[in-house]
Amino acid sequence: MAFFFGYALSTLPLIQAGLGFTAALSVVFAADTLSIAVMEIVDNAVMAIIPGAMDAGLVNPIFWIGMIVALSAAFGAAFPVNRYLIDKGKGHALTHQYHEGHQGHGGRRHHGPSGASSGGPGSGDDQGDHY
């Protein structure tokens, strides 16, 4: 289900941006597969090691506590994977070119060590907004 919904939620905006279904799906497969796989592996592993979480019903607090812990751990594991992929021009970076308001590679803002965006208006940097 995670792969189905993950792919569906990523494919719809690409189709709305004008990409055909097959092309959108191939971009999404390349962009999302590793991230979803990491999240699912970590989520299921954490749920499996929490005593009683796998057998708990929806009304049992251990199920919800387990879900909070497992999904938090899965997010923590997937975040650096996604960050690495985006930094390498892969992952969700593959989908950015299809979204409205995309800036070309030369117009992409660069973030300094502080995380502050440079290249904005008045910065003297020719890497500002190019629409």
Protein backbone atom coordinates (compact mmCIF):
# COMPACT_ATOMS: atom_id res chain seq x y z
CA MET A 1 0.00 0.00 0.00
CA ALA A 2 2.83 2.41 0.78
CA PHE A 3 4.30 2.00 -2.69
CA PHE A 4 0.88 2.30 -4.36
CA PHE A 5 -0.12 5.46 -2.52
CA GLY A 6 3.40 6.94 -2.67
CA TYR A 7 3.57 6.46 -6.43
CA ALA A 8 -0.02 7.68 -6.92
CA LEU A 9 0.48 10.85 -4.87
CA SER A 10 3.66 11.67 -6.77
CA THR A 11 2.28 10.79 -10.21
CA LEU A 12 -0.85 12.96 -10.07
CA PRO A 13 0.94 16.35 -9.96
CA LEU A 14 3.15 15.31 -12.89
CA ILE A 15 0.12 14.34 -14.95
CA GLN A 16 -1.49 17.67 -14.02
CA ALA A 17 1.71 19.39 -15.21
CA GLY A 18 1.17 17.83 -18.65
CA LEU A 19 3.29 14.69 -18.53
CA GLY A 20 1.71 11.52 -19.91
CA PHE A 21 0.81 8.73 -17.50
CA THR A 22 3.61 6.36 -18.57
CA ALA A 23 6.25 9.10 -18.56
CA ALA A 24 5.05 10.39 -15.17
CA LEU A 25 5.10 6.91 -13.69
CA SER A 26 8.63 6.22 -14.92
CA VAL A 27 9.87 9.49 -13.36
CA VAL A 28 8.10 8.64 -10.09
CA PHE A 29 9.51 5.10 -10.00
CA ALA A 30 13.01 6.54 -10.32
CA ALA A 31 12.34 9.30 -7.79
CA ASP A 32 10.45 7.49 -5.03
CA THR A 33 11.39 3.81 -4.92
CA LEU A 34 14.46 4.04 -2.68
CA SER A 35 12.81 6.49 -0.29
CA ILE A 36 9.65 4.41 0.13
CA ALA A 37 11.68 1.20 0.51
CA VAL A 38 13.82 2.70 3.29
CA MET A 39 10.75 4.04 5.09
CA GLU A 40 8.92 0.70 4.88
CA ILE A 41 11.90 -1.37 6.03
CA VAL A 42 12.54 0.86 9.05
CA ASP A 43 8.82 1.27 9.89
CA ASN A 44 8.19 -2.48 9.84
CA ALA A 45 11.39 -3.31 11.71
CA VAL A 46 10.58 -0.87 14.52
CA MET A 47 6.99 -2.13 14.80
CA ALA A 48 8.31 -5.70 14.95
CA ILE A 49 10.66 -4.98 17.86
CA ILE A 50 8.08 -3.13 19.99
CA PRO A 51 6.51 -5.83 22.18
CA GLY A 52 2.84 -6.34 21.31
CA ALA A 53 2.66 -3.62 18.64
CA MET A 54 2.11 -6.03 15.76
CA ASP A 55 -0.74 -7.81 17.53
CA ALA A 56 -2.39 -4.72 19.00
CA GLY A 57 -5.72 -3.57 17.62
CA LEU A 58 -6.63 -0.03 16.65
CA VAL A 59 -8.11 0.68 20.09
CA ASN A 60 -4.94 -0.40 21.89
CA PRO A 61 -2.60 2.49 22.84
CA ILE A 62 0.48 0.32 22.19
CA PHE A 63 -0.47 0.26 18.50
CA TRP A 64 -0.58 4.06 18.28
CA ILE A 65 2.55 4.56 20.37
CA GLY A 66 4.30 2.01 18.17
CA MET A 67 3.13 3.82 15.03
CA ILE A 68 4.41 7.15 16.33
CA VAL A 69 7.80 5.66 17.17
CA ALA A 70 8.03 3.62 13.95
CA LEU A 71 7.01 6.44 11.61
CA SER A 72 9.35 8.87 13.36
CA ALA A 73 12.23 6.44 12.96
CA ALA A 74 11.28 5.82 9.32
CA PHE A 75 11.23 9.56 8.62
CA GLY A 76 14.62 9.91 10.31
CA ALA A 77 16.04 7.13 8.14
CA ALA A 78 14.52 8.35 4.86
CA PHE A 79 15.39 12.04 5.27
CA PRO A 80 19.15 11.66 4.69
CA VAL A 81 18.47 9.28 1.80
CA ASN A 82 16.21 11.86 0.15
CA ARG A 83 18.66 14.67 0.87
CA TYR A 84 21.50 12.69 -0.72
CA LEU A 85 19.42 11.85 -3.80
CA ILE A 86 18.31 15.46 -4.26
CA ASP A 87 21.88 16.73 -3.86
CA LYS A 88 22.93 14.31 -6.62
CA GLY A 89 20.08 15.44 -8.92
CA LYS A 90 18.16 12.24 -8.39
CA GLY A 91 15.12 11.35 -6.28
CA HIS A 92 12.56 14.15 -6.09
CA ALA A 93 14.96 16.43 -7.97
CA LEU A 94 13.85 14.50 -11.06
CA THR A 95 10.29 15.74 -10.62
CA HIS A 96 11.08 19.40 -9.98
CA GLN A 97 11.52 20.24 -13.66
CA TYR A 98 7.87 19.39 -14.30
CA HIS A 99 6.36 21.59 -11.61
CA GLU A 100 5.04 25.10 -12.28
CA GLY A 101 7.49 27.89 -11.52
CA HIS A 102 10.53 25.66 -11.96
CA GLN A 103 13.77 27.55 -12.22
CA GLY A 104 16.30 26.22 -14.69
CA HIS A 105 19.53 24.70 -13.39
CA GLY A 106 21.36 28.00 -13.78
CA GLY A 107 18.64 29.83 -11.86
CA ARG A 108 18.49 27.49 -8.93
CA ARG A 109 19.05 29.15 -5.61
CA HIS A 110 22.06 28.02 -3.66
CA HIS A 111 22.03 27.64 0.09
CA GLY A 112 25.05 28.61 2.10
CA PRO A 113 26.27 26.95 5.29
CA SER A 114 23.69 28.82 7.34
CA GLY A 115 20.90 27.45 5.15
CA ALA A 116 20.00 30.98 4.06
CA SER A 117 19.14 31.32 0.42
CA SER A 118 21.43 33.44 -1.68
CA GLY A 119 20.81 34.79 -5.12
CA GLY A 120 17.70 36.77 -4.31
CA PRO A 121 16.91 40.25 -5.53
CA GLY A 122 19.53 42.81 -4.61
CA SER A 123 22.13 40.22 -3.64
CA GLY A 124 24.41 41.07 -6.54
CA ASP A 125 24.40 37.40 -7.47
CA ASP A 126 23.35 36.54 -11.02
CA GLN A 127 21.81 33.30 -9.73
CA GLY A 128 18.55 34.98 -8.69
CA ASP A 129 15.03 34.27 -9.87
CA HIS A 130 14.80 33.57 -13.61
CA TYR A 131 11.22 33.09 -14.71
